Protein backbone atom coordinates (compact mmCIF):
# COMPACT_ATOMS: atom_id res chain seq x y z
CA GLN A 1 18.52 -52.09 25.45
CA VAL A 2 18.60 -51.36 21.74
CA GLN A 3 20.99 -53.48 19.74
CA LEU A 4 21.88 -53.43 16.07
CA VAL A 5 23.59 -56.22 14.18
CA GLU A 6 24.72 -55.82 10.58
CA SER A 7 25.25 -58.60 8.09
CA GLY A 8 25.50 -59.17 4.36
CA GLY A 9 28.92 -57.76 3.62
CA GLY A 10 31.53 -59.59 1.63
CA LEU A 11 33.75 -59.55 -1.41
CA VAL A 12 32.26 -58.54 -4.73
CA GLN A 13 33.55 -57.55 -8.15
CA THR A 14 33.15 -54.09 -9.60
CA GLY A 15 29.60 -53.71 -10.88
CA GLY A 16 28.22 -56.32 -8.54
CA SER A 17 25.57 -56.01 -5.86
CA LEU A 18 25.16 -56.70 -2.17
CA ARG A 19 22.31 -56.25 0.25
CA LEU A 20 23.25 -55.31 3.78
CA SER A 21 20.89 -56.03 6.65
CA CYS A 22 20.61 -54.51 10.10
CA VAL A 23 18.47 -56.38 12.60
CA VAL A 24 17.06 -54.33 15.46
CA SER A 25 16.39 -55.74 18.91
CA GLY A 26 15.16 -54.00 22.04
CA ALA A 27 12.86 -51.65 20.15
CA ASN A 28 10.35 -51.63 17.36
CA ILE A 29 12.00 -50.34 14.21
CA ILE A 30 9.11 -47.94 13.59
CA SER A 31 9.94 -46.20 16.87
CA PHE A 32 13.11 -44.65 15.46
CA GLY A 33 13.06 -41.11 14.24
CA GLU A 34 15.67 -42.09 11.70
CA MET A 35 18.08 -44.86 10.90
CA ASN A 36 21.34 -44.51 9.05
CA TRP A 37 24.02 -46.40 7.24
CA TYR A 38 27.57 -45.19 7.69
CA ARG A 39 30.79 -46.49 6.26
CA GLN A 40 34.45 -46.17 7.08
CA ALA A 41 37.17 -46.93 4.59
CA PRO A 42 40.76 -47.58 5.64
CA GLY A 43 42.47 -44.32 6.49
CA SER A 44 39.25 -42.36 6.15
CA GLN A 45 36.70 -40.78 8.44
CA ARG A 46 33.40 -42.48 9.02
CA GLU A 47 30.85 -40.99 6.66
CA ALA A 48 27.09 -41.09 6.40
CA VAL A 49 25.93 -43.04 3.36
CA ALA A 50 22.16 -43.29 3.60
CA THR A 51 19.35 -42.28 5.91
CA PHE A 52 15.89 -43.76 6.30
CA THR A 53 13.66 -41.07 7.75
CA LYS A 54 10.55 -41.44 9.84
CA ARG A 55 8.52 -40.46 6.79
CA GLY A 56 10.08 -43.28 4.80
CA LEU A 57 12.35 -41.05 2.74
CA GLY A 58 15.76 -42.21 1.69
CA ASN A 59 18.56 -39.68 1.71
CA TYR A 60 21.92 -40.50 0.16
CA THR A 61 25.35 -39.06 -0.10
CA GLU A 62 26.19 -37.99 -3.63
CA SER A 63 28.71 -40.73 -4.28
CA VAL A 64 26.11 -43.50 -3.85
CA ARG A 65 22.97 -41.76 -5.05
CA GLY A 66 21.28 -43.76 -7.78
CA ARG A 67 23.15 -46.93 -6.85
CA PHE A 68 22.17 -47.55 -3.22
CA THR A 69 18.69 -47.88 -1.77
CA VAL A 70 17.73 -47.93 1.90
CA SER A 71 14.55 -49.68 2.99
CA ARG A 72 13.06 -51.51 5.95
CA ASP A 73 10.98 -54.55 6.79
CA ILE A 74 8.76 -53.59 9.71
CA GLN A 75 7.53 -57.11 10.47
CA ARG A 76 11.05 -58.49 10.73
CA ASN A 77 12.54 -55.37 12.34
CA LEU A 78 15.14 -55.05 9.61
CA LEU A 79 16.84 -52.16 7.87
CA PHE A 80 18.39 -52.85 4.48
CA LEU A 81 20.91 -51.20 2.24
CA GLN A 82 20.73 -52.45 -1.33
CA MET A 83 24.04 -51.70 -3.00
CA ASN A 84 24.16 -51.92 -6.79
CA ASP A 85 26.85 -51.15 -9.34
CA LEU A 86 29.50 -51.37 -6.66
CA LYS A 87 32.80 -49.62 -7.20
CA PRO A 88 36.20 -50.06 -5.55
CA GLU A 89 35.71 -46.78 -3.72
CA ASP A 90 32.73 -48.35 -1.94
CA THR A 91 35.13 -50.62 -0.07
CA ALA A 92 34.61 -49.98 3.63
CA THR A 93 33.09 -51.32 6.79
CA TYR A 94 29.42 -50.43 6.88
CA PHE A 95 27.63 -49.59 10.11
CA CYS A 96 24.00 -49.34 11.07
CA ASN A 97 23.03 -46.43 13.30
CA ALA A 98 19.76 -45.43 14.93
CA ARG A 99 18.29 -43.23 17.61
CA LEU A 100 14.82 -43.20 19.10
CA ASN A 101 14.70 -39.43 19.49
CA PRO A 102 16.93 -36.48 18.64
CA TRP A 103 17.87 -36.27 22.33
CA SER A 104 18.72 -39.97 22.59
CA ASP A 105 22.21 -41.35 22.29
CA PRO A 106 22.63 -43.25 19.04
CA THR A 107 23.08 -46.99 18.90
CA TRP A 108 25.73 -48.46 16.63
CA GLY A 109 26.27 -51.91 15.26
CA HIS A 110 29.70 -53.46 15.00
CA GLY A 111 29.81 -53.20 11.23
CA THR A 112 29.97 -55.51 8.26
CA PRO A 113 32.89 -55.28 5.83
CA VAL A 114 32.43 -54.76 2.12
CA SER A 115 35.28 -55.19 -0.32
CA VAL A 116 34.90 -54.35 -4.00
CA ASP A 117 37.61 -55.78 -6.22
CA SER A 118 38.55 -53.84 -9.33
């Protein structure tokens, strides 16, 4: 059974940085076709923030492009989201998401909250 557990969230001032981690169990991280970071702010829909593709490409939503970087550590089975120059609008709970194949059901973590104080 694939499980994802996020960590690294917290309270940070505007302009600060955080690095979120997602530890994968039940599968080798290289087995995933893609892995994603989503976020959900209060009163808002859950939105995709960043994608780590099988080819190692990072795709980002416009609002975080240039500030966030997605990466992985294969040996430790970890997916990261480096978040720099944080803004109040980045405040949300961040979720790790992955699927082994396009036809597989995705696995979600429980989320880690990020709060950016203006």
